[in-house]
N, C-alpha and C. Protein backbone atom coordinates (compact mmCIF):
# COMPACT_ATOMS: atom_id res chain seq x y z
N MET A 1 51.30 -47.27 87.53
CA MET A 1 51.59 -48.68 87.60
C MET A 1 51.78 -49.06 89.05
N ASN A 2 51.21 -50.19 89.43
CA ASN A 2 51.36 -50.68 90.79
C ASN A 2 52.02 -52.05 90.78
N TYR A 3 53.06 -52.17 91.61
CA TYR A 3 53.62 -53.48 91.86
C TYR A 3 54.34 -53.44 93.20
N ASP A 4 54.37 -54.58 93.85
CA ASP A 4 55.08 -54.74 95.11
C ASP A 4 56.25 -55.66 94.87
N LEU A 5 57.41 -55.27 95.37
CA LEU A 5 58.62 -56.06 95.22
C LEU A 5 59.15 -56.40 96.60
N GLU A 6 59.36 -57.69 96.85
CA GLU A 6 59.85 -58.15 98.14
C GLU A 6 61.02 -59.09 97.94
N LEU A 7 61.92 -59.11 98.91
CA LEU A 7 63.04 -60.04 98.92
C LEU A 7 62.74 -61.14 99.93
N ASP A 8 62.81 -62.38 99.50
CA ASP A 8 62.65 -63.54 100.37
C ASP A 8 64.04 -64.10 100.63
N SER A 9 64.66 -63.67 101.72
CA SER A 9 66.04 -64.07 102.02
C SER A 9 66.16 -65.57 102.26
N LYS A 10 65.16 -66.16 102.88
CA LYS A 10 65.21 -67.59 103.18
C LYS A 10 65.38 -68.41 101.90
N ASN A 11 64.61 -68.07 100.87
CA ASN A 11 64.66 -68.80 99.60
C ASN A 11 65.51 -68.10 98.55
N GLN A 12 66.12 -66.99 98.92
CA GLN A 12 66.93 -66.18 98.01
C GLN A 12 66.19 -65.91 96.70
N THR A 13 64.99 -65.39 96.87
CA THR A 13 64.09 -65.14 95.75
C THR A 13 63.56 -63.72 95.82
N ILE A 14 63.48 -63.08 94.66
CA ILE A 14 62.82 -61.79 94.54
C ILE A 14 61.39 -62.09 94.09
N GLN A 15 60.43 -61.52 94.81
CA GLN A 15 59.02 -61.72 94.48
C GLN A 15 58.41 -60.39 94.11
N LEU A 16 57.73 -60.36 92.98
CA LEU A 16 57.08 -59.15 92.51
C LEU A 16 55.65 -59.48 92.16
N LYS A 17 54.72 -58.66 92.65
CA LYS A 17 53.32 -58.84 92.31
C LYS A 17 52.83 -57.57 91.64
N GLY A 18 52.36 -57.71 90.41
CA GLY A 18 51.88 -56.57 89.65
C GLY A 18 50.37 -56.49 89.64
N THR A 19 49.84 -55.28 89.80
CA THR A 19 48.40 -55.03 89.70
C THR A 19 48.24 -53.81 88.81
N CYS A 20 48.36 -54.03 87.51
CA CYS A 20 48.40 -52.90 86.59
C CYS A 20 47.99 -53.35 85.19
N LEU A 21 47.83 -52.37 84.31
CA LEU A 21 47.66 -52.67 82.89
C LEU A 21 49.05 -53.01 82.37
N LEU A 22 49.20 -54.20 81.86
CA LEU A 22 50.51 -54.70 81.46
C LEU A 22 50.76 -54.41 79.99
N ASN A 23 51.67 -53.47 79.73
CA ASN A 23 52.08 -53.18 78.37
C ASN A 23 53.61 -53.19 78.32
N GLN A 24 54.17 -52.92 77.18
CA GLN A 24 55.63 -53.02 77.02
C GLN A 24 56.39 -52.05 77.93
N ASP A 25 55.89 -50.84 78.09
CA ASP A 25 56.56 -49.87 78.96
C ASP A 25 56.56 -50.35 80.41
N VAL A 26 55.45 -50.89 80.86
CA VAL A 26 55.35 -51.40 82.24
C VAL A 26 56.28 -52.60 82.42
N ARG A 27 56.31 -53.49 81.43
CA ARG A 27 57.21 -54.65 81.52
C ARG A 27 58.66 -54.19 81.67
N LYS A 28 59.04 -53.19 80.89
CA LYS A 28 60.42 -52.68 80.98
C LYS A 28 60.69 -52.06 82.34
N GLU A 29 59.73 -51.34 82.86
CA GLU A 29 59.90 -50.73 84.19
C GLU A 29 60.06 -51.81 85.26
N ILE A 30 59.26 -52.86 85.17
CA ILE A 30 59.37 -53.98 86.11
C ILE A 30 60.74 -54.65 85.98
N LEU A 31 61.16 -54.92 84.76
CA LEU A 31 62.46 -55.57 84.54
C LEU A 31 63.61 -54.70 85.02
N LEU A 32 63.51 -53.40 84.86
CA LEU A 32 64.54 -52.49 85.33
C LEU A 32 64.64 -52.54 86.87
N ALA A 33 63.50 -52.54 87.53
CA ALA A 33 63.49 -52.66 89.00
C ALA A 33 64.08 -53.99 89.43
N LEU A 34 63.75 -55.05 88.71
CA LEU A 34 64.30 -56.37 89.03
C LEU A 34 65.80 -56.41 88.82
N ALA A 35 66.27 -55.84 87.73
CA ALA A 35 67.70 -55.86 87.43
C ALA A 35 68.51 -55.23 88.56
N SER A 36 68.03 -54.12 89.09
CA SER A 36 68.78 -53.48 90.18
C SER A 36 68.72 -54.33 91.44
N GLN A 37 67.59 -54.96 91.72
CA GLN A 37 67.48 -55.82 92.89
C GLN A 37 68.33 -57.10 92.75
N LEU A 38 68.46 -57.59 91.53
CA LEU A 38 69.32 -58.77 91.30
C LEU A 38 70.76 -58.44 91.65
N VAL A 39 71.20 -57.25 91.31
CA VAL A 39 72.58 -56.83 91.63
C VAL A 39 72.74 -56.62 93.13
N ILE A 40 71.80 -55.92 93.74
CA ILE A 40 71.88 -55.61 95.17
C ILE A 40 71.82 -56.88 96.02
N SER A 41 70.89 -57.76 95.70
CA SER A 41 70.66 -58.95 96.53
C SER A 41 71.58 -60.12 96.18
N ASN A 42 72.06 -60.15 94.95
CA ASN A 42 72.83 -61.28 94.43
C ASN A 42 71.99 -62.56 94.37
N PHE A 43 70.66 -62.41 94.35
CA PHE A 43 69.78 -63.56 94.18
C PHE A 43 69.71 -63.90 92.69
N SER A 44 69.30 -65.13 92.40
CA SER A 44 69.16 -65.52 90.99
C SER A 44 67.81 -66.20 90.72
N ARG A 45 66.85 -65.95 91.60
CA ARG A 45 65.51 -66.51 91.42
C ARG A 45 64.49 -65.39 91.54
N VAL A 46 63.53 -65.41 90.61
CA VAL A 46 62.51 -64.36 90.59
C VAL A 46 61.15 -64.98 90.31
N ILE A 47 60.15 -64.55 91.09
CA ILE A 47 58.75 -64.89 90.81
C ILE A 47 58.02 -63.59 90.53
N ILE A 48 57.43 -63.50 89.35
CA ILE A 48 56.64 -62.32 88.99
C ILE A 48 55.19 -62.77 88.85
N ASP A 49 54.37 -62.32 89.78
CA ASP A 49 52.96 -62.71 89.80
C ASP A 49 52.15 -61.66 89.04
N LEU A 50 51.61 -62.06 87.91
CA LEU A 50 50.84 -61.16 87.06
C LEU A 50 49.35 -61.50 87.04
N THR A 51 48.91 -62.32 87.99
CA THR A 51 47.51 -62.77 87.96
C THR A 51 46.52 -61.64 88.18
N GLU A 52 46.94 -60.55 88.82
CA GLU A 52 46.05 -59.41 89.05
C GLU A 52 46.33 -58.26 88.08
N SER A 53 47.18 -58.51 87.10
CA SER A 53 47.46 -57.51 86.07
C SER A 53 46.54 -57.74 84.88
N ILE A 54 46.29 -56.69 84.15
CA ILE A 54 45.44 -56.78 82.97
C ILE A 54 46.34 -56.72 81.75
N PHE A 55 46.24 -57.72 80.91
CA PHE A 55 47.04 -57.80 79.70
C PHE A 55 46.49 -56.83 78.66
N ASP A 56 47.35 -56.07 78.03
CA ASP A 56 46.94 -55.12 76.99
C ASP A 56 46.78 -55.91 75.68
N PRO A 57 45.54 -56.20 75.26
CA PRO A 57 45.32 -57.02 74.07
C PRO A 57 45.75 -56.36 72.77
N GLY A 58 45.99 -55.06 72.80
CA GLY A 58 46.37 -54.35 71.58
C GLY A 58 47.85 -54.47 71.25
N GLU A 59 48.61 -55.07 72.12
CA GLU A 59 50.06 -55.17 71.88
C GLU A 59 50.38 -56.27 70.88
N PRO A 60 51.31 -56.01 70.00
CA PRO A 60 51.72 -57.06 69.04
C PRO A 60 52.62 -58.09 69.71
N MET A 61 52.55 -59.32 69.24
CA MET A 61 53.40 -60.38 69.78
C MET A 61 54.87 -60.12 69.44
N ALA A 62 55.12 -59.31 68.45
CA ALA A 62 56.50 -59.03 68.03
C ALA A 62 57.30 -58.32 69.12
N GLY A 63 56.65 -57.81 70.14
CA GLY A 63 57.35 -57.14 71.23
C GLY A 63 58.22 -58.07 72.06
N ALA A 64 58.07 -59.36 71.90
CA ALA A 64 58.85 -60.33 72.68
C ALA A 64 60.35 -60.18 72.41
N LEU A 65 60.72 -60.01 71.17
CA LEU A 65 62.14 -59.85 70.84
C LEU A 65 62.68 -58.54 71.40
N GLU A 66 61.89 -57.50 71.33
CA GLU A 66 62.30 -56.22 71.90
C GLU A 66 62.54 -56.36 73.41
N LEU A 67 61.68 -57.13 74.07
CA LEU A 67 61.81 -57.30 75.52
C LEU A 67 63.05 -58.12 75.88
N THR A 68 63.35 -59.16 75.12
CA THR A 68 64.57 -59.93 75.43
C THR A 68 65.82 -59.09 75.16
N ASN A 69 65.79 -58.27 74.13
CA ASN A 69 66.92 -57.36 73.88
C ASN A 69 67.06 -56.36 75.03
N PHE A 70 65.94 -55.89 75.55
CA PHE A 70 65.97 -54.98 76.69
C PHE A 70 66.56 -55.67 77.92
N MET A 71 66.16 -56.91 78.15
CA MET A 71 66.69 -57.67 79.29
C MET A 71 68.21 -57.78 79.20
N ARG A 72 68.69 -58.03 78.03
CA ARG A 72 70.15 -58.13 77.83
C ARG A 72 70.80 -56.76 78.05
N SER A 73 70.16 -55.69 77.60
CA SER A 73 70.75 -54.35 77.73
C SER A 73 70.83 -53.88 79.17
N ILE A 74 69.93 -54.38 80.03
CA ILE A 74 69.99 -54.00 81.45
C ILE A 74 70.71 -55.06 82.27
N ASP A 75 71.35 -55.98 81.57
CA ASP A 75 72.27 -56.95 82.17
C ASP A 75 71.59 -58.00 83.06
N ILE A 76 70.39 -58.42 82.68
CA ILE A 76 69.80 -59.58 83.36
C ILE A 76 70.49 -60.80 82.77
N LYS A 77 71.16 -61.53 83.64
CA LYS A 77 72.00 -62.66 83.21
C LYS A 77 71.14 -63.88 82.86
N PRO A 78 71.57 -64.67 81.89
CA PRO A 78 70.81 -65.87 81.51
C PRO A 78 70.69 -66.91 82.62
N HIS A 79 71.59 -66.91 83.61
CA HIS A 79 71.48 -67.90 84.69
C HIS A 79 70.37 -67.56 85.68
N VAL A 80 69.85 -66.33 85.64
CA VAL A 80 68.77 -65.93 86.54
C VAL A 80 67.50 -66.66 86.10
N LYS A 81 66.85 -67.32 87.05
CA LYS A 81 65.60 -68.03 86.76
C LYS A 81 64.43 -67.10 87.00
N LEU A 82 63.71 -66.79 85.93
CA LEU A 82 62.55 -65.91 86.00
C LEU A 82 61.28 -66.73 85.81
N THR A 83 60.39 -66.68 86.79
CA THR A 83 59.09 -67.33 86.63
C THR A 83 58.02 -66.26 86.58
N PHE A 84 57.01 -66.52 85.79
CA PHE A 84 55.87 -65.62 85.68
C PHE A 84 54.62 -66.43 85.99
N ILE A 85 53.76 -65.87 86.83
CA ILE A 85 52.48 -66.50 87.12
C ILE A 85 51.42 -65.67 86.40
N TYR A 86 50.56 -66.33 85.63
CA TYR A 86 49.62 -65.61 84.78
C TYR A 86 48.25 -66.25 84.82
N SER A 87 47.27 -65.52 84.33
CA SER A 87 45.91 -66.07 84.29
C SER A 87 45.20 -65.83 82.95
N GLU A 88 45.85 -65.12 82.04
CA GLU A 88 45.20 -64.84 80.75
C GLU A 88 46.23 -64.67 79.64
N ALA A 89 45.74 -64.55 78.42
CA ALA A 89 46.58 -64.31 77.24
C ALA A 89 47.69 -65.35 77.09
N GLU A 90 47.30 -66.61 77.21
CA GLU A 90 48.28 -67.69 77.18
C GLU A 90 49.12 -67.72 75.91
N SER A 91 48.53 -67.50 74.75
CA SER A 91 49.31 -67.58 73.52
C SER A 91 50.41 -66.52 73.48
N HIS A 92 50.11 -65.30 73.94
CA HIS A 92 51.13 -64.25 73.98
C HIS A 92 52.23 -64.60 74.96
N ARG A 93 51.87 -65.12 76.09
CA ARG A 93 52.84 -65.44 77.12
C ARG A 93 53.75 -66.60 76.67
N LYS A 94 53.16 -67.61 76.08
CA LYS A 94 53.95 -68.74 75.59
C LYS A 94 54.91 -68.29 74.49
N TYR A 95 54.46 -67.37 73.66
CA TYR A 95 55.32 -66.85 72.60
C TYR A 95 56.54 -66.16 73.20
N PHE A 96 56.32 -65.30 74.21
CA PHE A 96 57.45 -64.62 74.86
C PHE A 96 58.36 -65.64 75.54
N GLU A 97 57.78 -66.62 76.21
CA GLU A 97 58.57 -67.66 76.87
C GLU A 97 59.48 -68.36 75.86
N ASN A 98 58.93 -68.73 74.72
CA ASN A 98 59.72 -69.41 73.68
C ASN A 98 60.81 -68.52 73.11
N VAL A 99 60.49 -67.27 72.81
CA VAL A 99 61.48 -66.34 72.27
C VAL A 99 62.61 -66.13 73.28
N ALA A 100 62.25 -65.91 74.54
CA ALA A 100 63.26 -65.66 75.58
C ALA A 100 64.15 -66.89 75.78
N GLN A 101 63.57 -68.07 75.77
CA GLN A 101 64.37 -69.28 75.94
C GLN A 101 65.31 -69.48 74.76
N LEU A 102 64.83 -69.23 73.54
CA LEU A 102 65.69 -69.34 72.37
C LEU A 102 66.83 -68.32 72.41
N ASP A 103 66.59 -67.21 73.10
CA ASP A 103 67.59 -66.15 73.24
C ASP A 103 68.51 -66.40 74.44
N GLY A 104 68.34 -67.54 75.11
CA GLY A 104 69.25 -67.92 76.19
C GLY A 104 68.80 -67.61 77.59
N PHE A 105 67.60 -67.06 77.76
CA PHE A 105 67.11 -66.74 79.10
C PHE A 105 66.40 -67.94 79.72
N ASN A 106 66.44 -67.99 81.04
CA ASN A 106 65.88 -69.09 81.82
C ASN A 106 64.52 -68.65 82.36
N ILE A 107 63.50 -68.72 81.50
CA ILE A 107 62.17 -68.19 81.80
C ILE A 107 61.13 -69.29 81.66
N GLN A 108 60.16 -69.26 82.58
CA GLN A 108 59.08 -70.24 82.52
C GLN A 108 57.81 -69.59 83.06
N TYR A 109 56.67 -69.85 82.41
CA TYR A 109 55.37 -69.37 82.86
C TYR A 109 54.62 -70.48 83.57
N PHE A 110 53.89 -70.11 84.62
CA PHE A 110 53.09 -71.06 85.38
C PHE A 110 51.75 -70.43 85.73
N LYS A 111 50.78 -71.27 86.05
CA LYS A 111 49.48 -70.76 86.46
C LYS A 111 49.31 -70.76 87.98
N SER A 112 50.30 -71.27 88.73
CA SER A 112 50.20 -71.25 90.18
C SER A 112 51.54 -70.91 90.82
N TYR A 113 51.46 -70.29 91.98
CA TYR A 113 52.65 -69.92 92.73
C TYR A 113 53.46 -71.17 93.11
N ASN A 114 52.78 -72.22 93.55
CA ASN A 114 53.48 -73.43 94.00
C ASN A 114 54.29 -74.07 92.87
N GLU A 115 53.72 -74.11 91.67
CA GLU A 115 54.47 -74.65 90.52
C GLU A 115 55.70 -73.80 90.22
N ALA A 116 55.53 -72.49 90.27
CA ALA A 116 56.65 -71.58 90.00
C ALA A 116 57.74 -71.75 91.04
N ALA A 117 57.38 -71.79 92.31
CA ALA A 117 58.35 -71.94 93.39
C ALA A 117 59.09 -73.28 93.28
N ALA A 118 58.37 -74.33 92.92
CA ALA A 118 59.01 -75.65 92.78
C ALA A 118 60.03 -75.64 91.63
N TRP A 119 59.70 -74.99 90.52
CA TRP A 119 60.62 -74.92 89.38
C TRP A 119 61.88 -74.15 89.76
N LEU A 120 61.71 -73.10 90.55
CA LEU A 120 62.88 -72.31 90.96
C LEU A 120 63.86 -73.13 91.79
N LYS A 121 63.35 -74.08 92.55
CA LYS A 121 64.20 -74.88 93.43
C LYS A 121 64.91 -76.02 92.71
N GLN A 122 64.56 -76.26 91.47
CA GLN A 122 65.20 -77.33 90.69
C GLN A 122 66.64 -76.97 90.36
C-alpha cells in the first residue's frame, strides 16, 4: 500500500494521498495512521485524496458500518472533519458518507481538492 501523509501547519490540516488498491484493510491502515497523527498534531481537519487509488469493486457496501465502528475503536473523535476526494465508485462512497454521518462522524466526499479545503474551513 502506498500513501503519503503530510501535516499542513498553516491550515492545521492532515493531508493524505493514497495510490493503492483501496479495500477495507487498507482503509483501516490509513485510518490508524490518521488517528495517531490526530493525537500528535492536535489538528481536527483531514483531507484524504483517493483520486489515484483504485476502488476494489468486489467489496460489499455493508463494510461501511464496520469502518465507522473501527473509527470509534481507534478514537477518531466526531468533531474531526474528514474530507475524501474521489473519482470513482460514487454510490459506495455516498453510502459510507451517509452511514458515517448517521453514526455521528463529520465526513464529506468531494470531487476536487478546492471544494474539500473550503468545507474544512467552514
